[in-house]
């Protein structure tokens, strides 16, 4: 007999750190998310009590690998696994060259399979920890929901690859996806309900390891809490992993290429240096000019350079050195937040931003908060105490009934299909034309946009009406149709296709289950009978795109989406 307990498990797949949270819902009880806190240690048996585990993996062959805290950072270890799923993301000019194409070619297996190995290892360990917790012996009979978080700035293709990796990893065939800043908002604002008022506007800045995502919400209703996006979300590649790259360049500039090579040749040498930067500086730097920080370089004998603070293999890093490392990323984040604030004020000029919430690993940094306070005087900048776990906890709440809801979202780009329409003059002069001898009409190619950037999206579905002609007699292969979905990020939707209109995915509608709805036409143009079928290609644009086939409001068949 199935248990009445429902378990929701969220997976926050991060660039530098990942985490899992869960909650058990029992009748009559209010569930509270709990993060998995214990992760396997290194070969010496160390166990970490950190809430999250490093997103790193190292292979010994194609199937034997170590992950998380088991891995020492070397040239063979793979970091930034998540970013491998979206290599086409624009990289800021202030970051050192990453050689991403070379990195992809050097991987031991496809990026989606590496992500699946890591996700599966983390998930399976988390399940073991959850079994030890409050779920107890009921766990294996509980209904289970899995929620996967993705960056709001991720491309549709990257979201699909992330979903593929999670499915391969064994998270199940029915996985719900949620945008990371949306999950953070649900958790963070639900903890602030006593301070919320209807129509308040808040900016959520999710600054993680690889990406920075921003969404602005207004409070539509306080009890229960309903949120609505004010303007389309935005973001960029301004995450904390860039600090590691800039720190490495600073060390190389300090000691030179030869001594850098010697340091990286020391077993665990560079790993220990990065660990010092990670734990003692990156997390704690607040911009205090009177507090020096120290980095020790183990296993090497470096030449002293007192002018730059290098003595006895130890670098005394002054405030201005760290400012040079931090400022490009921090100022990038401030600019991204400023763009979001200005867009909100343009739409609602009489309703200023009440507060800006900083969440995510980088979002908990003190220097980032100090710079935000300078950039937005008079606006409250809030760093929740559990900023790093807000996303995975919010993802759990999202799937629990009667929790906070996001009742409307803003489309971040235009989505549509290409169509041929009768040529007009003079608008269509100079365009390529297509003459149809069957009806004697000359047509030109244009765009038919069904979702436009900035459009308010509720839970309602977007429907694209489609007509299909099927020869008689027909078989299974005849009852499938292919379409292409296109997108554009331009401010206004284009009338004609151009290089800014990019193919999103190929959609294959499988109509066999709807064959009884077809209408038979006894005599076609060639005197032979054929069948017609009218259906709607349905698009649901939430965290990821979902597709289905409907006829008169009832779902029939299915749609296979292939991203290119």
Protein backbone atom coordinates (compact mmCIF):
# COMPACT_ATOMS: atom_id res chain seq x y z
CA UNK A 1 0.00 0.00 0.00
CA UNK A 2 1.41 3.36 -0.98
CA UNK A 3 2.31 5.82 1.76
CA UNK A 4 0.35 9.07 2.14
CA UNK A 5 3.68 10.85 2.58
CA UNK A 6 4.96 12.80 -0.40
CA UNK A 7 8.65 13.61 -0.73
CA UNK A 8 9.86 16.53 -2.83
CA UNK A 9 13.57 16.49 -3.72
CA UNK A 10 15.23 19.49 -5.36
CA UNK A 11 18.57 19.43 -7.16
CA UNK A 12 20.45 22.72 -7.44
CA UNK A 13 23.04 21.91 -10.13
CA UNK A 14 25.55 24.72 -9.74
CA UNK A 15 28.70 25.76 -11.56
CA UNK A 16 31.01 25.59 -8.55
CA UNK A 17 28.81 23.98 -5.88
CA UNK A 18 25.67 21.84 -6.05
CA UNK A 19 23.12 20.93 -3.43
CA UNK A 20 20.05 18.86 -2.67
CA UNK A 21 17.13 19.75 -0.42
CA UNK A 22 13.97 17.86 0.45
CA UNK A 23 10.76 17.98 2.43
CA UNK A 24 8.14 15.44 3.42
CA UNK A 25 4.52 16.41 3.26
CA UNK A 26 2.21 14.61 5.62
CA UNK A 27 -1.51 15.32 5.96
CA UNK A 28 -2.06 18.14 8.44
CA UNK A 29 1.62 19.08 8.75
CA UNK A 30 3.49 22.10 7.40
CA UNK A 31 6.59 20.91 5.51
CA UNK A 32 9.95 22.60 5.92
CA UNK A 33 12.79 22.11 3.41
CA UNK A 34 15.94 20.47 4.76
CA UNK A 35 19.24 20.53 2.83
CA UNK A 36 21.42 17.45 2.64
CA UNK A 37 24.49 18.46 4.65
CA UNK A 38 26.82 15.46 4.68
CA UNK A 39 28.93 14.59 1.63
CA UNK A 40 31.62 11.98 1.05
CA UNK A 41 35.12 13.19 1.85
CA UNK A 42 38.47 12.44 0.23
CA UNK A 43 40.36 9.12 0.16
CA UNK A 44 41.38 9.71 3.79
CA UNK A 45 37.74 9.46 4.81
CA UNK A 46 37.11 13.11 5.62
CA UNK A 47 33.44 14.06 5.67
CA UNK A 48 32.37 17.64 5.03
CA UNK A 49 29.55 19.33 6.87
CA UNK A 50 29.10 21.96 4.15
CA UNK A 51 25.56 22.32 2.85
CA UNK A 52 26.76 22.01 -0.75
CA UNK A 53 29.30 19.86 -2.52
CA UNK A 54 31.85 21.05 -5.14
CA UNK A 55 30.78 20.58 -8.75
CA UNK A 56 33.90 18.74 -9.85
CA UNK A 57 34.59 15.29 -11.24
CA UNK A 58 37.71 13.32 -12.14
CA UNK A 59 37.84 10.19 -14.30
CA UNK A 60 40.03 7.11 -14.20
CA UNK A 61 38.71 5.53 -17.37
CA UNK A 62 35.22 6.13 -18.76
CA UNK A 63 33.16 4.72 -15.90
CA UNK A 64 35.39 5.02 -12.82
CA UNK A 65 35.29 8.52 -11.37
CA UNK A 66 35.44 10.54 -8.17
CA UNK A 67 33.36 13.61 -7.45
CA UNK A 68 32.89 16.51 -5.07
CA UNK A 69 35.15 16.55 -2.02
CA UNK A 70 36.79 13.32 -3.19
CA UNK A 71 38.56 15.23 -5.96
CA UNK A 72 41.77 17.23 -5.71
CA UNK A 73 41.97 20.03 -8.26
CA UNK A 74 44.43 19.03 -10.99
CA UNK A 75 44.67 19.51 -14.73
CA UNK A 76 42.75 16.23 -15.14
CA UNK A 77 39.80 17.20 -12.94
CA UNK A 78 36.78 18.69 -14.69
CA UNK A 79 35.31 21.85 -13.15
CA UNK A 80 32.45 24.01 -14.37
CA UNK A 81 30.57 20.91 -15.58
CA UNK A 82 27.37 22.92 -15.81
CA UNK A 83 28.89 25.48 -18.19
CA UNK A 84 29.80 22.69 -20.61
CA UNK A 85 26.09 22.36 -21.37
CA UNK A 86 25.87 25.94 -22.65
CA UNK A 87 29.24 26.73 -24.28
CA UNK A 88 27.73 29.45 -26.48
CA UNK A 89 27.00 31.78 -23.57
CA UNK A 90 28.66 35.16 -24.10
CA UNK A 91 31.77 35.49 -21.94
CA UNK A 92 32.66 38.94 -20.55
CA UNK A 93 35.82 40.51 -21.94
CA UNK A 94 37.38 40.83 -18.48
CA UNK A 95 37.62 37.04 -18.05
CA UNK A 96 40.74 35.20 -19.27
CA UNK A 97 40.32 33.09 -22.39
CA UNK A 98 38.80 29.73 -21.50
CA UNK A 99 39.43 27.77 -24.71
CA UNK A 100 35.99 26.25 -24.34
CA UNK A 101 35.99 24.52 -27.71
CA UNK A 102 39.36 22.93 -26.96
CA UNK A 103 38.09 21.95 -23.53
CA UNK A 104 35.03 20.25 -25.02
CA UNK A 105 37.19 18.26 -27.45
CA UNK A 106 39.47 17.09 -24.62
CA UNK A 107 36.64 15.64 -22.51
CA UNK A 108 36.66 11.86 -21.97
CA UNK A 109 33.00 11.65 -23.02
CA UNK A 110 30.20 14.00 -24.17
CA UNK A 111 29.41 16.85 -21.78
CA UNK A 112 25.85 15.64 -21.19
CA UNK A 113 27.20 12.25 -20.05
CA UNK A 114 29.71 13.87 -17.70
CA UNK A 115 26.92 15.96 -16.22
CA UNK A 116 24.81 12.81 -15.88
CA UNK A 117 27.62 11.00 -14.02
CA UNK A 118 28.01 13.88 -11.56
CA UNK A 119 24.28 14.48 -11.06
CA UNK A 120 23.67 10.76 -10.55
CA UNK A 121 26.46 10.44 -7.96
CA UNK A 122 25.22 13.44 -5.97
CA UNK A 123 21.56 12.39 -6.21
CA UNK A 124 22.13 8.79 -5.16
CA UNK A 125 24.21 9.87 -2.17
CA UNK A 126 21.53 12.39 -1.23
CA UNK A 127 18.84 9.68 -1.33
CA UNK A 128 20.90 7.63 1.11
CA UNK A 129 21.09 10.61 3.46
CA UNK A 130 17.36 11.29 3.12
CA UNK A 131 16.58 7.66 3.99
CA UNK A 132 18.46 8.18 7.25
CA UNK A 133 16.34 11.23 8.07
CA UNK A 134 12.75 11.83 9.00
CA UNK A 135 11.31 9.83 6.11
CA UNK A 136 12.59 6.63 7.65
CA UNK A 137 11.31 3.30 6.35
CA UNK A 138 8.47 4.99 4.45
CA UNK A 139 10.83 6.54 1.92
CA UNK A 140 10.76 3.77 -0.68
CA UNK A 141 6.95 3.77 -0.80
CA UNK A 142 6.53 7.53 -0.87
CA UNK A 143 5.37 9.43 -3.91
CA UNK A 144 8.41 11.40 -5.06
CA UNK A 145 8.68 14.65 -6.99
CA UNK A 146 12.02 15.85 -8.35
CA UNK A 147 12.66 19.52 -9.12
CA UNK A 148 15.71 20.63 -11.10
CA UNK A 149 16.91 24.25 -11.05
CA UNK A 150 18.34 26.01 -14.13
CA UNK A 151 19.68 29.53 -14.75
CA UNK A 152 17.16 31.99 -16.14
CA UNK A 153 19.73 33.06 -18.75
CA UNK A 154 20.25 29.49 -19.99
CA UNK A 155 19.43 28.84 -23.63
CA UNK A 156 16.54 26.49 -24.44
CA UNK A 157 19.07 24.03 -25.81
CA UNK A 158 21.09 24.11 -22.58
CA UNK A 159 17.96 23.55 -20.52
CA UNK A 160 17.10 20.55 -22.68
CA UNK A 161 20.63 19.13 -22.27
CA UNK A 162 20.41 19.64 -18.50
CA UNK A 163 17.11 17.75 -18.49
CA UNK A 164 18.66 14.97 -20.60
CA UNK A 165 21.56 14.68 -18.15
CA UNK A 166 19.20 14.52 -15.16
CA UNK A 167 17.09 11.84 -16.84
CA UNK A 168 20.19 9.77 -17.68
CA UNK A 169 21.32 10.20 -14.08
CA UNK A 170 18.19 8.48 -12.81
CA UNK A 171 16.24 11.42 -11.42
CA UNK A 172 13.14 10.07 -13.14
CA UNK A 173 11.25 10.61 -16.36
CA UNK A 174 8.97 13.32 -14.95
CA UNK A 175 11.21 16.13 -13.73
CA UNK A 176 9.95 19.64 -13.02
CA UNK A 177 12.28 22.51 -13.88
CA UNK A 178 12.33 25.92 -12.22
CA UNK A 179 14.42 29.01 -12.87
CA UNK A 180 16.99 29.57 -10.15
CA UNK A 181 16.04 33.18 -9.26
CA UNK A 182 12.36 32.20 -9.22
CA UNK A 183 13.09 29.45 -6.69
CA UNK A 184 15.18 31.88 -4.66
CA UNK A 185 12.36 34.44 -4.69
CA UNK A 186 9.78 31.90 -3.55
CA UNK A 187 11.91 30.93 -0.56
CA UNK A 188 13.32 34.34 0.33
CA UNK A 189 10.08 36.30 0.10
CA UNK A 190 8.08 33.57 1.84
CA UNK A 191 10.41 34.11 4.80
CA UNK A 192 9.62 37.86 4.74
CA UNK A 193 5.81 37.80 4.64
CA UNK A 194 5.45 39.95 7.76
CA UNK A 195 7.33 42.75 5.98
CA UNK A 196 5.56 42.42 2.62
CA UNK A 197 2.75 44.58 1.31
CA UNK A 198 0.63 44.22 -1.79
CA UNK A 199 2.24 45.90 -4.84
CA UNK A 200 5.72 45.95 -3.27
CA UNK A 201 8.44 45.41 -5.89
CA UNK A 202 11.62 43.44 -5.18
CA UNK A 203 14.66 42.52 -7.26
CA UNK A 204 16.14 39.07 -6.76
CA UNK A 205 19.81 38.85 -7.75
CA UNK A 206 21.00 35.26 -7.84
CA UNK A 207 24.79 35.49 -8.08
CA UNK A 208 26.21 32.00 -8.32
CA UNK A 209 29.39 30.38 -9.50
CA UNK A 210 28.92 30.75 -13.24
CA UNK A 211 25.92 32.95 -13.91
CA UNK A 212 24.11 35.92 -12.42
CA UNK A 213 20.32 35.85 -12.86
CA UNK A 214 17.93 38.69 -12.10
CA UNK A 215 14.17 38.75 -11.84
CA UNK A 216 11.96 41.54 -10.51
CA UNK A 217 8.72 40.62 -8.75
CA UNK A 218 5.74 42.50 -7.43
CA UNK A 219 3.62 41.12 -4.61
CA UNK A 220 0.19 40.43 -6.11
CA UNK A 221 -1.14 39.00 -2.87
CA UNK A 222 0.41 38.50 0.57
CA UNK A 223 -1.71 35.70 2.09
CA UNK A 224 -1.22 33.32 0.40
CA UNK A 225 1.82 34.80 -1.28
CA UNK A 226 1.45 35.41 -5.02
CA UNK A 227 4.26 36.96 -7.09
CA UNK A 228 4.24 38.37 -10.62
CA UNK A 229 7.23 39.22 -12.78
CA UNK A 230 7.39 42.92 -13.56
CA UNK A 231 9.85 42.86 -16.49
CA UNK A 232 11.67 40.07 -18.35
CA UNK A 233 14.47 38.45 -16.38
CA UNK A 234 18.06 39.12 -17.35
CA UNK A 235 21.60 38.15 -16.40
CA UNK A 236 24.98 37.12 -17.68
CA UNK A 237 28.21 35.22 -17.11
CA UNK A 238 29.39 37.18 -14.09
CA UNK A 239 29.58 34.38 -11.53
CA UNK A 240 32.24 33.74 -8.90
CA UNK A 241 34.14 31.19 -10.98
CA UNK A 242 35.50 34.21 -12.82
CA UNK A 243 37.20 35.28 -9.59
CA UNK A 244 39.18 32.02 -9.58
CA UNK A 245 40.32 32.67 -13.14
CA UNK A 246 41.32 36.24 -12.37
CA UNK A 247 43.09 35.13 -9.18
CA UNK A 248 45.08 32.56 -11.16
CA UNK A 249 46.12 35.25 -13.64
CA UNK A 250 47.20 37.48 -10.74
CA UNK A 251 49.36 34.70 -9.27
CA UNK A 252 50.89 34.00 -12.68
CA UNK A 253 51.65 37.69 -13.10
CA UNK A 254 53.24 37.75 -9.61
CA UNK A 255 55.51 34.70 -9.84
CA UNK A 256 55.96 34.20 -13.59
CA UNK A 257 55.21 31.30 -15.91
CA UNK A 258 58.16 29.12 -14.86
CA UNK A 259 57.39 29.28 -11.14
CA UNK A 260 53.66 28.85 -11.88
CA UNK A 261 54.47 25.62 -13.72
CA UNK A 262 56.58 24.48 -10.75
CA UNK A 263 53.71 25.22 -8.34
CA UNK A 264 51.22 23.26 -10.44
CA UNK A 265 53.69 20.35 -10.60
CA UNK A 266 53.57 19.98 -6.80
CA UNK A 267 50.99 17.32 -5.82
CA UNK A 268 47.90 19.17 -4.58
CA UNK A 269 49.92 22.42 -4.66
CA UNK A 270 47.61 24.53 -6.77
CA UNK A 271 44.57 22.85 -5.22
CA UNK A 272 45.66 24.03 -1.77
CA UNK A 273 46.29 27.57 -3.06
CA UNK A 274 42.83 27.76 -4.59
CA UNK A 275 41.31 26.34 -1.40
CA UNK A 276 42.89 29.20 0.57
CA UNK A 277 41.49 31.73 -1.88
CA UNK A 278 38.08 30.07 -1.79
CA UNK A 279 37.65 29.79 1.97
CA UNK A 280 39.71 32.64 3.37
CA UNK A 281 39.31 35.37 0.76
CA UNK A 282 36.52 34.86 -1.77
CA UNK A 283 33.89 34.18 0.87
CA UNK A 284 35.12 36.69 3.44
CA UNK A 285 36.42 39.70 1.49
CA UNK A 286 34.36 42.73 2.49
CA UNK A 287 36.51 45.53 1.10
CA UNK A 288 38.14 46.39 4.41
CA UNK A 289 41.29 48.31 3.45
CA UNK A 290 43.06 47.72 6.76
CA UNK A 291 42.90 43.93 6.71
CA UNK A 292 45.54 42.04 4.69
CA UNK A 293 45.03 38.48 3.48
CA UNK A 294 47.70 35.80 3.08
CA UNK A 295 48.20 33.04 0.54
CA UNK A 296 50.86 30.38 1.14
CA UNK A 297 52.40 28.56 -1.84
CA UNK A 298 53.30 25.01 -0.70
CA UNK A 299 56.10 22.81 -1.99
CA UNK A 300 58.00 25.47 -3.94
CA UNK A 301 60.80 27.93 -3.28
CA UNK A 302 59.73 31.22 -4.82
CA UNK A 303 61.90 34.28 -5.25
CA UNK A 304 60.95 37.00 -2.77
CA UNK A 305 59.47 40.18 -4.18
CA UNK A 306 58.89 42.52 -1.25
CA UNK A 307 57.56 45.28 -3.48
CA UNK A 308 54.53 43.10 -4.23
CA UNK A 309 54.19 41.41 -0.82
CA UNK A 310 55.80 38.05 -1.71
CA UNK A 311 58.08 36.72 1.04
CA UNK A 312 58.91 33.21 2.27
CA UNK A 313 56.53 31.62 -0.27
CA UNK A 314 53.66 33.69 1.12
CA UNK A 315 51.80 36.45 -0.65
CA UNK A 316 50.42 39.26 1.49
CA UNK A 317 47.48 40.41 -0.62
CA UNK A 318 46.51 43.99 0.02
CA UNK A 319 43.07 45.46 -0.42
CA UNK A 320 43.88 47.08 -3.76
CA UNK A 321 45.14 43.72 -5.14
CA UNK A 322 41.85 42.06 -4.25
CA UNK A 323 39.89 45.01 -5.54
CA UNK A 324 41.57 44.55 -8.92
CA UNK A 325 40.48 40.89 -8.92
CA UNK A 326 36.93 41.53 -7.71
CA UNK A 327 35.91 44.82 -9.30
CA UNK A 328 35.24 43.76 -12.92
CA UNK A 329 32.82 41.03 -11.81
CA UNK A 330 31.25 43.04 -9.01
CA UNK A 331 30.69 46.08 -11.23
CA UNK A 332 29.23 43.80 -13.91
CA UNK A 333 26.70 42.52 -11.36
CA UNK A 334 25.87 46.09 -10.29
CA UNK A 335 25.25 47.05 -13.94
CA UNK A 336 22.99 44.03 -14.46
CA UNK A 337 20.96 44.95 -11.37
CA UNK A 338 20.81 48.57 -12.51
CA UNK A 339 19.40 47.50 -15.90
CA UNK A 340 16.71 45.49 -14.13
CA UNK A 341 15.87 48.37 -11.78
CA UNK A 342 15.62 50.89 -14.64
CA UNK A 343 13.39 48.54 -16.65
CA UNK A 344 11.09 48.16 -13.64
CA UNK A 345 10.95 51.93 -13.01
CA UNK A 346 10.16 52.52 -16.67
CA UNK A 347 7.19 50.19 -16.42
CA UNK A 348 6.07 51.31 -12.94
CA UNK A 349 7.55 54.82 -12.44
CA UNK A 350 5.61 55.54 -9.23
CA UNK A 351 6.64 52.31 -7.51
CA UNK A 352 10.33 52.27 -6.54
CA UNK A 353 12.19 49.07 -5.71
CA UNK A 354 11.63 48.29 -2.04
CA UNK A 355 14.64 45.99 -1.63
CA UNK A 356 17.26 44.01 -3.55
CA UNK A 357 17.90 40.47 -2.34
CA UNK A 358 21.33 38.93 -2.93
CA UNK A 359 21.25 35.13 -2.99
CA UNK A 360 23.53 32.39 -4.25
CA UNK A 361 27.12 31.66 -3.26
CA UNK A 362 28.56 34.87 -4.71
CA UNK A 363 25.51 36.74 -3.47
CA UNK A 364 26.66 36.21 0.11
CA UNK A 365 29.95 38.06 -0.48
CA UNK A 366 30.42 41.16 1.70
CA UNK A 367 32.24 43.25 -0.92
CA UNK A 368 29.45 42.68 -3.42
CA UNK A 369 26.92 43.91 -0.87
CA UNK A 370 29.05 46.98 -0.05
CA UNK A 371 29.27 47.91 -3.74
CA UNK A 372 25.54 47.37 -4.21
CA UNK A 373 24.81 49.71 -1.29
CA UNK A 374 26.97 52.37 -2.94
CA UNK A 375 25.32 51.80 -6.29
CA UNK A 376 21.76 51.93 -4.93
CA UNK A 377 21.69 54.42 -2.05
CA UNK A 378 18.39 54.45 -0.24
CA UNK A 379 17.44 50.94 -1.39
CA UNK A 380 17.70 48.16 1.15
CA UNK A 381 20.20 45.45 0.15
CA UNK A 382 19.39 42.16 1.90
CA UNK A 383 21.61 39.09 2.14
CA UNK A 384 19.57 36.28 3.73
CA UNK A 385 21.50 34.19 6.26
CA UNK A 386 20.91 31.07 4.15
CA UNK A 387 21.51 32.75 0.79
CA UNK A 388 23.45 29.79 -0.64
CA UNK A 389 20.61 27.34 0.02
CA UNK A 390 17.71 29.63 -0.94
CA UNK A 391 17.46 28.19 -4.46
CA UNK A 392 17.22 24.52 -3.53
CA UNK A 393 14.88 25.25 -0.61
CA UNK A 394 12.66 27.41 -2.81
CA UNK A 395 12.51 24.68 -5.45
CA UNK A 396 11.09 22.32 -2.83
CA UNK A 397 8.45 24.83 -1.71
CA UNK A 398 7.52 25.40 -5.38
CA UNK A 399 6.34 21.79 -5.69
CA UNK A 400 4.45 21.66 -2.39
CA UNK A 401 0.76 22.43 -2.49
CA UNK A 402 -0.50 25.70 -1.02
CA UNK A 403 2.94 27.32 -1.12
CA UNK A 404 3.90 30.69 -2.63
CA UNK A 405 3.15 30.97 -6.34
CA UNK A 406 4.49 32.89 -9.31
CA UNK A 407 1.24 33.72 -11.07
CA UNK A 408 2.71 35.38 -14.16
CA UNK A 409 6.04 35.57 -15.93
CA UNK A 410 7.54 37.80 -18.61
CA UNK A 411 8.76 36.28 -21.87
CA UNK A 412 12.49 36.89 -22.36
CA UNK A 413 12.40 36.59 -26.16
CA UNK A 414 10.09 36.21 -29.14
CA UNK A 415 9.01 32.72 -30.25
CA UNK A 416 7.33 31.98 -33.54
CA UNK A 417 7.22 30.15 -36.87
CA UNK A 418 8.02 31.11 -40.44
CA UNK A 419 5.04 31.50 -42.76
CA UNK A 420 4.32 32.35 -46.38
CA UNK A 421 1.75 35.11 -46.83
CA UNK A 422 0.40 36.85 -49.96
CA UNK A 423 2.80 39.50 -51.27
CA UNK A 424 1.95 43.08 -50.40
CA UNK A 425 3.19 46.26 -52.02
CA UNK A 426 5.23 48.22 -51.31
CA UNK A 427 6.12 46.56 -47.97
CA UNK A 428 7.34 43.35 -49.59
CA UNK A 429 9.15 44.84 -52.58
CA UNK A 430 12.64 43.41 -52.95
CA UNK A 431 11.87 40.27 -50.93
CA UNK A 432 12.25 36.77 -52.37
CA UNK A 433 8.89 35.55 -53.68
CA UNK A 434 7.30 32.12 -53.99
CA UNK A 435 4.67 31.49 -56.64
CA UNK A 436 2.05 28.79 -56.01
CA UNK A 437 0.53 27.60 -59.29
CA UNK A 438 -2.28 25.83 -57.43
CA UNK A 439 -3.94 29.08 -56.40
CA UNK A 440 -2.02 31.59 -58.53
CA UNK A 441 -0.84 33.58 -55.50
CA UNK A 442 2.66 35.01 -55.06
CA UNK A 443 3.89 34.83 -51.47
CA UNK A 444 6.82 36.07 -49.36
CA UNK A 445 8.31 34.59 -46.23
CA UNK A 446 7.59 36.33 -42.94
CA UNK A 447 7.52 35.67 -39.21
CA UNK A 448 4.43 34.71 -37.26
CA UNK A 449 5.31 35.43 -33.61
CA UNK A 450 3.15 33.66 -31.03
CA UNK A 451 5.09 34.83 -27.97
CA UNK A 452 6.68 38.27 -27.87
CA UNK A 453 9.42 39.56 -25.59
CA UNK A 454 7.93 41.12 -22.47
CA UNK A 455 4.59 39.36 -22.97
CA UNK A 456 2.89 38.41 -19.72
CA UNK A 457 2.72 34.64 -19.48
CA UNK A 458 0.31 33.05 -17.04
CA UNK A 459 -0.27 29.33 -16.79
CA UNK A 460 -2.28 29.55 -20.00
CA UNK A 461 -0.80 27.79 -23.01
CA UNK A 462 0.11 29.37 -26.33
CA UNK A 463 -1.55 27.60 -29.25
CA UNK A 464 -0.36 27.51 -32.87
CA UNK A 465 -3.12 26.34 -35.22
CA UNK A 466 -1.90 23.78 -37.74
CA UNK A 467 -3.57 22.13 -40.74
CA UNK A 468 -2.28 18.80 -42.05
CA UNK A 469 -3.16 16.94 -45.23
CA UNK A 470 -2.80 13.15 -45.16
CA UNK A 471 -2.83 10.96 -48.26
CA UNK A 472 -5.23 8.04 -48.56
CA UNK A 473 -4.48 5.31 -47.68
CA UNK A 474 -2.13 6.20 -44.78
CA UNK A 475 0.11 4.44 -42.29
CA UNK A 476 1.82 5.35 -39.01
CA UNK A 477 4.63 7.37 -40.64
CA UNK A 478 2.11 9.55 -42.49
CA UNK A 479 0.71 10.83 -39.20
CA UNK A 480 3.68 12.88 -38.10
CA UNK A 481 4.47 16.47 -38.97
CA UNK A 482 7.60 18.55 -38.50
CA UNK A 483 7.79 22.24 -37.70
CA UNK A 484 10.56 24.58 -36.64
CA UNK A 485 10.27 26.98 -33.74
CA UNK A 486 12.34 30.18 -34.05
CA UNK A 487 13.32 32.80 -31.51
CA UNK A 488 14.71 36.32 -31.41
CA UNK A 489 16.03 38.46 -28.56
CA UNK A 490 15.67 41.76 -30.39
CA UNK A 491 13.59 44.45 -28.60
CA UNK A 492 10.86 44.38 -31.27
CA UNK A 493 9.71 41.34 -33.26
CA UNK A 494 10.98 41.27 -36.84
CA UNK A 495 8.52 41.16 -39.71
CA UNK A 496 10.92 39.15 -41.90
CA UNK A 497 13.45 36.45 -41.02
CA UNK A 498 17.02 37.74 -40.65
CA UNK A 499 20.25 36.70 -38.94
CA UNK A 500 18.78 37.69 -35.55
CA UNK A 501 16.03 35.10 -35.96
CA UNK A 502 17.57 31.87 -34.69
CA UNK A 503 16.26 28.32 -34.92
CA UNK A 504 15.22 27.15 -31.46
CA UNK A 505 14.20 23.55 -32.10
CA UNK A 506 12.64 21.09 -34.52
CA UNK A 507 9.23 19.82 -33.43
CA UNK A 508 7.85 16.48 -34.58
CA UNK A 509 4.14 16.13 -33.84
CA UNK A 510 3.01 12.50 -33.54
CA UNK A 511 -0.67 12.46 -34.53
CA UNK A 512 -1.47 8.74 -34.61
CA UNK A 513 -3.64 8.90 -31.44
CA UNK A 514 -5.72 11.63 -33.10
CA UNK A 515 -6.41 9.75 -36.34
CA UNK A 516 -10.12 9.28 -35.47
CA UNK A 517 -10.56 13.08 -35.61
CA UNK A 518 -9.52 13.30 -39.27
CA UNK A 519 -11.97 14.36 -41.94
CA UNK A 520 -12.08 12.51 -45.26
CA UNK A 521 -12.18 14.59 -48.45
CA UNK A 522 -13.61 12.33 -51.20
CA UNK A 523 -12.08 14.13 -54.18
CA UNK A 524 -8.86 16.14 -54.18
CA UNK A 525 -7.38 18.26 -56.99
CA UNK A 526 -6.03 15.06 -58.57
CA UNK A 527 -9.35 13.28 -58.18
CA UNK A 528 -8.07 11.09 -55.34
CA UNK A 529 -9.38 11.12 -51.76
CA UNK A 530 -7.33 12.42 -48.80
CA UNK A 531 -7.71 13.19 -45.12
CA UNK A 532 -7.38 16.46 -43.24
CA UNK A 533 -6.63 17.06 -39.59
CA UNK A 534 -6.76 20.38 -37.73
CA UNK A 535 -4.82 20.55 -34.49
CA UNK A 536 -3.09 22.98 -32.17
CA UNK A 537 0.64 22.82 -31.48
CA UNK A 538 0.68 23.92 -27.83
CA UNK A 539 3.65 25.71 -26.27
CA UNK A 540 4.04 26.19 -22.53
CA UNK A 541 6.88 28.58 -21.69
CA UNK A 542 7.86 28.31 -18.03
CA UNK A 543 11.36 27.42 -16.88
CA UNK A 544 11.71 25.35 -20.05
CA UNK A 545 9.61 24.94 -23.17
CA UNK A 546 7.05 22.15 -23.11
CA UNK A 547 5.05 21.03 -26.14
CA UNK A 548 1.88 19.04 -26.75
CA UNK A 549 -0.83 18.44 -29.36
CA UNK A 550 -4.42 19.49 -28.70
CA UNK A 551 -7.61 19.15 -30.69
CA UNK A 552 -10.57 21.20 -29.47
CA UNK A 553 -8.86 21.67 -26.11
CA UNK A 554 -8.17 17.96 -25.55
CA UNK A 555 -4.62 16.62 -25.60
CA UNK A 556 -3.81 14.04 -28.27
CA UNK A 557 -0.52 12.57 -29.35
CA UNK A 558 2.85 13.99 -28.37
CA UNK A 559 5.63 16.25 -29.60
CA UNK A 560 9.32 15.41 -29.86
CA UNK A 561 11.61 18.45 -29.61
CA UNK A 562 15.14 18.36 -31.03
CA UNK A 563 17.40 21.32 -30.27
CA UNK A 564 20.12 22.28 -32.73
